């Protein structure tokens, strides 16, 4: 089992920045993908960004250039730097760890952290 704990959410004005952190309870090995997802009220959870073992990143098209995902393997932590925030970025942001174990993908989720962007 792996526990994921997010932090760094809060209230920020439009145009501001936030950095989210997600700390894993232990190191993980093998093929893995770390990611951030978000869910606004009344909508489905959507992908924000992912980063894999090789530090290859993917982003939702609408967020490219404003959000940056990164990892600190020594701290078992993944970050999401969010710049030029907009009110439509308001959502609960979830950290995800996907591990390939015995040819199966196993998903772990954090509890979520609220990000609110005021206009």
C-alpha atoms as a PDB file:
ATOM      1  CA  UNK A   1       0.000   0.000   0.000  1.00  0.00           C
ATOM      2  CA  UNK A   2       1.027   3.551  -0.700  1.00  0.00           C
ATOM      3  CA  UNK A   3      -0.537   6.600   0.903  1.00  0.00           C
ATOM      4  CA  UNK A   4      -0.493   9.891  -0.928  1.00  0.00           C
ATOM      5  CA  UNK A   5      -0.887  13.182   0.902  1.00  0.00           C
ATOM      6  CA  UNK A   6      -1.474  16.401  -1.011  1.00  0.00           C
ATOM      7  CA  UNK A   7      -0.819  19.886   0.279  1.00  0.00           C
ATOM      8  CA  UNK A   8      -0.490  23.415  -1.015  1.00  0.00           C
ATOM      9  CA  UNK A   9      -4.044  24.181  -2.042  1.00  0.00           C
ATOM     10  CA  UNK A  10      -5.816  27.334  -1.027  1.00  0.00           C
ATOM     11  CA  UNK A  11      -7.413  30.564  -2.148  1.00  0.00           C
ATOM     12  CA  UNK A  12      -5.612  32.716  -4.673  1.00  0.00           C
ATOM     13  CA  UNK A  13      -6.539  35.635  -6.884  1.00  0.00           C
ATOM     14  CA  UNK A  14      -6.704  35.271 -10.641  1.00  0.00           C
ATOM     15  CA  UNK A  15      -3.250  35.637 -12.138  1.00  0.00           C
ATOM     16  CA  UNK A  16      -1.584  34.236  -9.051  1.00  0.00           C
ATOM     17  CA  UNK A  17       0.374  31.038  -8.498  1.00  0.00           C
ATOM     18  CA  UNK A  18       0.228  27.978  -6.294  1.00  0.00           C
ATOM     19  CA  UNK A  19       2.445  24.941  -5.922  1.00  0.00           C
ATOM     20  CA  UNK A  20       0.817  21.676  -4.952  1.00  0.00           C
ATOM     21  CA  UNK A  21       2.809  18.873  -3.368  1.00  0.00           C
ATOM     22  CA  UNK A  22       2.025  15.197  -3.060  1.00  0.00           C
ATOM     23  CA  UNK A  23       4.136  13.045  -0.786  1.00  0.00           C
ATOM     24  CA  UNK A  24       4.106   9.274  -1.036  1.00  0.00           C
ATOM     25  CA  UNK A  25       4.433   7.199   2.130  1.00  0.00           C
ATOM     26  CA  UNK A  26       7.226   5.103   0.658  1.00  0.00           C
ATOM     27  CA  UNK A  27       9.470   4.781  -2.336  1.00  0.00           C
ATOM     28  CA  UNK A  28       8.132   2.908  -5.315  1.00  0.00           C
ATOM     29  CA  UNK A  29      10.087   1.015  -7.911  1.00  0.00           C
ATOM     30  CA  UNK A  30       9.456  -0.242 -11.364  1.00  0.00           C
ATOM     31  CA  UNK A  31       7.263   1.324 -13.999  1.00  0.00           C
ATOM     32  CA  UNK A  32       5.138   4.080 -12.563  1.00  0.00           C
ATOM     33  CA  UNK A  33       3.292   7.182 -13.588  1.00  0.00           C
ATOM     34  CA  UNK A  34       2.579  10.069 -11.250  1.00  0.00           C
ATOM     35  CA  UNK A  35      -0.165  12.460 -12.096  1.00  0.00           C
ATOM     36  CA  UNK A  36      -2.449  15.268 -11.063  1.00  0.00           C
ATOM     37  CA  UNK A  37      -6.158  15.289 -11.806  1.00  0.00           C
ATOM     38  CA  UNK A  38      -8.846  17.764 -10.899  1.00  0.00           C
ATOM     39  CA  UNK A  39     -12.576  17.797 -10.407  1.00  0.00           C
ATOM     40  CA  UNK A  40     -14.775  20.867 -10.348  1.00  0.00           C
ATOM     41  CA  UNK A  41     -18.317  20.717  -8.923  1.00  0.00           C
ATOM     42  CA  UNK A  42     -20.714  18.988 -11.284  1.00  0.00           C
ATOM     43  CA  UNK A  43     -17.979  17.766 -13.614  1.00  0.00           C
ATOM     44  CA  UNK A  44     -15.986  14.603 -14.116  1.00  0.00           C
ATOM     45  CA  UNK A  45     -12.464  14.217 -12.882  1.00  0.00           C
ATOM     46  CA  UNK A  46     -10.039  15.287 -15.594  1.00  0.00           C
ATOM     47  CA  UNK A  47      -6.358  14.846 -16.269  1.00  0.00           C
ATOM     48  CA  UNK A  48      -4.098  17.774 -15.503  1.00  0.00           C
ATOM     49  CA  UNK A  49      -0.594  16.359 -15.985  1.00  0.00           C
ATOM     50  CA  UNK A  50       1.475  13.191 -15.672  1.00  0.00           C
ATOM     51  CA  UNK A  51       5.140  12.323 -15.370  1.00  0.00           C
ATOM     52  CA  UNK A  52       6.690   8.868 -15.712  1.00  0.00           C
ATOM     53  CA  UNK A  53       9.913   7.164 -14.640  1.00  0.00           C
ATOM     54  CA  UNK A  54      11.761   8.748 -17.520  1.00  0.00           C
ATOM     55  CA  UNK A  55      10.443  12.189 -16.528  1.00  0.00           C
ATOM     56  CA  UNK A  56       8.372  12.312 -19.698  1.00  0.00           C
ATOM     57  CA  UNK A  57       5.483  14.649 -19.066  1.00  0.00           C
ATOM     58  CA  UNK A  58       2.030  15.056 -20.538  1.00  0.00           C
ATOM     59  CA  UNK A  59      -0.421  17.902 -20.008  1.00  0.00           C
ATOM     60  CA  UNK A  60      -4.004  18.689 -20.745  1.00  0.00           C
ATOM     61  CA  UNK A  61      -3.866  20.832 -23.875  1.00  0.00           C
ATOM     62  CA  UNK A  62      -5.647  23.732 -22.209  1.00  0.00           C
ATOM     63  CA  UNK A  63      -3.065  23.876 -19.406  1.00  0.00           C
ATOM     64  CA  UNK A  64       0.169  23.713 -21.359  1.00  0.00           C
ATOM     65  CA  UNK A  65       2.416  26.637 -20.604  1.00  0.00           C
ATOM     66  CA  UNK A  66       0.748  27.479 -17.284  1.00  0.00           C
ATOM     67  CA  UNK A  67       1.169  24.273 -15.261  1.00  0.00           C
ATOM     68  CA  UNK A  68       4.361  22.288 -14.676  1.00  0.00           C
ATOM     69  CA  UNK A  69       4.659  18.848 -13.115  1.00  0.00           C
ATOM     70  CA  UNK A  70       7.896  17.688 -11.532  1.00  0.00           C
ATOM     71  CA  UNK A  71       9.216  15.113  -9.093  1.00  0.00           C
ATOM     72  CA  UNK A  72      11.746  14.880  -6.304  1.00  0.00           C
ATOM     73  CA  UNK A  73      12.488  11.188  -6.062  1.00  0.00           C
ATOM     74  CA  UNK A  74      14.603  11.605  -2.954  1.00  0.00           C
ATOM     75  CA  UNK A  75      11.548  13.006  -1.176  1.00  0.00           C
ATOM     76  CA  UNK A  76       9.016  10.682  -2.885  1.00  0.00           C
ATOM     77  CA  UNK A  77       7.166  13.823  -3.861  1.00  0.00           C
ATOM     78  CA  UNK A  78       5.483  15.106  -6.990  1.00  0.00           C
ATOM     79  CA  UNK A  79       4.732  18.776  -7.507  1.00  0.00           C
ATOM     80  CA  UNK A  80       2.375  20.812  -9.621  1.00  0.00           C
ATOM     81  CA  UNK A  81       3.382  24.404 -10.207  1.00  0.00           C
ATOM     82  CA  UNK A  82       0.378  26.411 -11.328  1.00  0.00           C
ATOM     83  CA  UNK A  83       0.889  29.903 -12.741  1.00  0.00           C
ATOM     84  CA  UNK A  84      -1.475  32.528 -14.148  1.00  0.00           C
ATOM     85  CA  UNK A  85      -4.362  30.870 -12.428  1.00  0.00           C
ATOM     86  CA  UNK A  86      -7.883  31.475 -13.685  1.00  0.00           C
ATOM     87  CA  UNK A  87     -11.235  31.137 -11.927  1.00  0.00           C
ATOM     88  CA  UNK A  88     -11.958  28.101 -14.104  1.00  0.00           C
ATOM     89  CA  UNK A  89      -8.996  26.345 -12.476  1.00  0.00           C
ATOM     90  CA  UNK A  90     -11.043  26.154  -9.288  1.00  0.00           C
ATOM     91  CA  UNK A  91     -11.379  22.475  -8.378  1.00  0.00           C
ATOM     92  CA  UNK A  92     -10.267  19.763  -6.037  1.00  0.00           C
ATOM     93  CA  UNK A  93      -6.871  18.555  -7.198  1.00  0.00           C
ATOM     94  CA  UNK A  94      -5.989  14.890  -6.721  1.00  0.00           C
ATOM     95  CA  UNK A  95      -2.634  13.191  -6.814  1.00  0.00           C
ATOM     96  CA  UNK A  96      -2.431   9.808  -8.529  1.00  0.00           C
ATOM     97  CA  UNK A  97       0.199   7.102  -8.525  1.00  0.00           C
ATOM     98  CA  UNK A  98      -0.099   4.340 -11.088  1.00  0.00           C
ATOM     99  CA  UNK A  99       2.151   1.320 -10.633  1.00  0.00           C
ATOM    100  CA  UNK A 100       2.657  -1.564 -13.020  1.00  0.00           C
ATOM    101  CA  UNK A 101       2.593  -4.698 -10.886  1.00  0.00           C
ATOM    102  CA  UNK A 102       2.545  -8.186 -12.400  1.00  0.00           C
ATOM    103  CA  UNK A 103       1.318  -6.759 -15.715  1.00  0.00           C
ATOM    104  CA  UNK A 104      -1.531  -4.899 -14.015  1.00  0.00           C
ATOM    105  CA  UNK A 105      -1.848  -1.206 -13.346  1.00  0.00           C
ATOM    106  CA  UNK A 106      -2.676  -0.350  -9.759  1.00  0.00           C
ATOM    107  CA  UNK A 107      -3.923   3.139  -8.889  1.00  0.00           C
ATOM    108  CA  UNK A 108      -3.478   5.035  -5.660  1.00  0.00           C
ATOM    109  CA  UNK A 109      -5.175   8.351  -4.957  1.00  0.00           C
ATOM    110  CA  UNK A 110      -4.676  11.129  -2.495  1.00  0.00           C
ATOM    111  CA  UNK A 111      -7.535  12.708  -0.591  1.00  0.00           C
ATOM    112  CA  UNK A 112      -7.494  15.864  -2.690  1.00  0.00           C
ATOM    113  CA  UNK A 113      -6.675  19.492  -2.012  1.00  0.00           C
ATOM    114  CA  UNK A 114      -8.985  22.401  -2.776  1.00  0.00           C
ATOM    115  CA  UNK A 115      -7.822  25.158  -5.090  1.00  0.00           C
ATOM    116  CA  UNK A 116     -10.026  28.222  -5.348  1.00  0.00           C
ATOM    117  CA  UNK A 117      -9.229  31.060  -7.732  1.00  0.00           C
ATOM    118  CA  UNK A 118     -11.118  34.294  -7.208  1.00  0.00           C
ATOM    119  CA  UNK A 119     -11.779  36.763  -9.998  1.00  0.00           C
END
